Each structure stands twice: as structure tokens, then as C-alpha cells.
């Protein structure tokens, strides 16, 4: 057993001073109060929070940060740049980039990531000898960094409603949903820190008749199911033209919605869509820094929460990797949209970044400092200029990633004094991105 004394800790009831946390075999086995550190306890100065979850990541998008900044365009013009990076990936390059990306996440306080993975095959769609080698490269990177991974293996079959795949998109496809499921049956992912999930890329990339097979696979295997939803108005308009329904209505008609499903973005929803998502308990993962970067728009976060959708957050395209920035943007964008303050408390924001995100990724035993939970915790420096004079109870609404000093995953320290224990994050990212972009 290892004992930690936290100057402050965020317990299920909120921020409390003088907290003792006992850890055995990667689990929290005791939580108590002590004004002073017990003998032999390791002291964690500052505020210790539960480990945070990044519920939506595309690791290779990190290579696009700063690319053509200031250039005019839309999501659709940005997508062409993204395809250039996707075309340059191979298993080793993917591993090297993901190693840097996941280490950057760890230093930001992220202890678990959901990787929305669809670059499955070689150039032209040819299968590698190991058809899951790209996913295995991502899993190895997460393992080497020390964070947990839910690999959301993504079904991607079409270039749009009634449109064939073309160019680099051929790397994404297994032909049909049955082929996607067959490839997953060959996966060797296994371990206490990695699990396999499922994803429908979107209703434009998975024909409606193929959706039920992916959903059935996820429910049979009790895997979390994620999907992009209504990120762009053009997707909604195309879906209405093809099916006479919104994307949310189309998913509901095929029995997809439910508490085991997470819709990502959900930016452009009709009121009836919000009611369908909330009424079914479907979670929504918001990625506000990416949604701002791509000029997607502002989603109805407050209305979704009221309707009953649990909210989580993700860094998506990694224009920023900072879970505090994500949750704070959820609140600030609602203020800008509604001209009203106070939609989410600091505790609400932390819940989205911790327990709700872990649940969305299938880790129901993480994201809280409580007996029986996984020993994931993140210590924030209360003495930084940014947090000077800020009450610990308000920290989730004010802190930033560079306030993170210590990170533990399953009881193992992976970040100390703000730096990863074994990876030079800046060098790793520089070399990996240079190799991809030339």
C-alpha cells in the first residue's frame, strides 16, 4: 500500500483540505482526512483531482496544428489538408506520432483517451499482413505513455450519401459492416489498460442499411459505441435529402440511440433531436476548441444536459490539448450564444472531464477519488500566477493544462513536476510531425 497526503483533493462531495488517499494494486483502498501528512505519506501539494478522460481523439490530426493558420475556408477545405496527413501514415509513423500526442495528453492531466480510429489499411485500401496493425500501433503508444485507451474502431464505408469512396478514403474502408466486424475478430488487443470499442463514422459515411450490424456488434460485445453527429449543416441537409430525416432521427429509426452510445459534436440539432438524444440517455461529447478551430458552430450543450444527455469532452483535432480549456469553453460558448452566465458550475465542468468521460469510454470504475476506484489522480499547482487567489472549489473553471504538476494512472506516476517521466514530448512531436509533413 502507498499513502498520499493531498493538501487539497476533489472528492465526490467537492474540494476538501487535508485528504489521505491509500492505494493498493492500482486501486484506491482508503480515503480519509488528516490536517498533517501521516508518517511515510507522499505529499501532493496543491489540488488533487480525479484523472481526466479525453473522450474523442484523432491522433494524426495533431500534425495539422498551425497548418495554414489564418487561411479562409470551412470544415470541408480543412478536410483536404487532413487527407494529406492520412495518406502519409504507416504503422511506424502512426506509432511515433501517437506516442507524442498521448504524452502531451498525459502532461495535461489526461489519464484515458478514446481514439476514434479509421485509418485501417495501406495505400489504396490494401490490407496489411496484420489487418489491425494500425490500431495496435495506437495501443502500443498508449501503453508506452502509460495512459489507458479505448480504441473506437470506426466503420467507414462511403464518401457521402450515395457516393463511393475515393482517394485516401479507400484506406478507411472494410467494404461493408460484415467486413469491419470480421477484421475486429482478428484483433489481439487485450489488457487492463486497453479495450476495444466501436464507432460509426457518421450517417454520411455508413449507409443506413449497414448501421444495424455495427450497432449489434457493439451491443453483443458490450462495447461503447461512438459516432460523429450533425457536426456540419451540410451533413444535415444531405441526410434530409437522402432519407427525409435528420441524422438523429435516422439513428433513432435504426435503434442506435441509448445510454451506451456517445454522439460526438451534435452541433446542429433541431429541438426534436435534442429531445431524442436526451430522452434515450445518449451521451454527447463536445469538442469546443476543435469546433471553434473548424468554424463548426456552437452546440446546444445546456439544452442537451437539461434533456438528459450526459456530457463529456474531447480534444478531437488537437488544435489544443487541454481538458480544462475544453470544459471552460463549453461554458463560455453557451454564454456567448445565450448572453447569459452560469450554465455549468465548476463541479459540472469537472464531471464532464472526469467521470462522464470515463463512462463514455467504458471505464465505469474511473474518474473519481473514492474507495474502489482506479487510482488515477492529477495534482494542480495552486501557487501558479493564474490560480493565485482562486479558491480550490473554482479551479476547474480557471486552471489550464500547464498548471498540472503530477499525474498518476492506476497508481503509477507518469508525470512529475509537469514533465513526462520517460518521454521528451516536444522532441517526440517535432520529429514525428516532421516525418509526416516533410
Foldseek 3Di string as FASTA:
>chain_A
DAKAWECWEQFPVGIDGTWIWDADQQFTADIDGDNDDDPRHHYFYFYKFFFFEFQEAAQQLQLCQPPPPPDDDFLVVVVVVVLLLLLLDDLVLLLLSLLLVLLVLVLLRHQEYEYADFQQDHFQQHADPLSRSNVVSNCVSCVVLRHAYAYALEAFAAPFAVHHDDGSSSSRHLNALVSSVVSVVSDPDDDPRYHYAYEYAFCGGHPLVRVLSRQVVCVVVVHQYEYEAPLAVVNQVRCCVRPVDGRLVSCVVSVRAALSYEYEAQADDDPVSLLSNQVRQHAYEYQVVVSVVNVSHQRPVLSSVVSHHQYAYHNYSPSDNHLLVRLLSNQVRVCVVVVDHDSDFLVSSLCRGFQSSCVSRPQNQGRRSDGRRRPWMWGFHCPDPQNVPPDSSRCSNGDISQRTAWTDGSRRTQGHGSHGPPDPSVVSNVVSSVSSPD
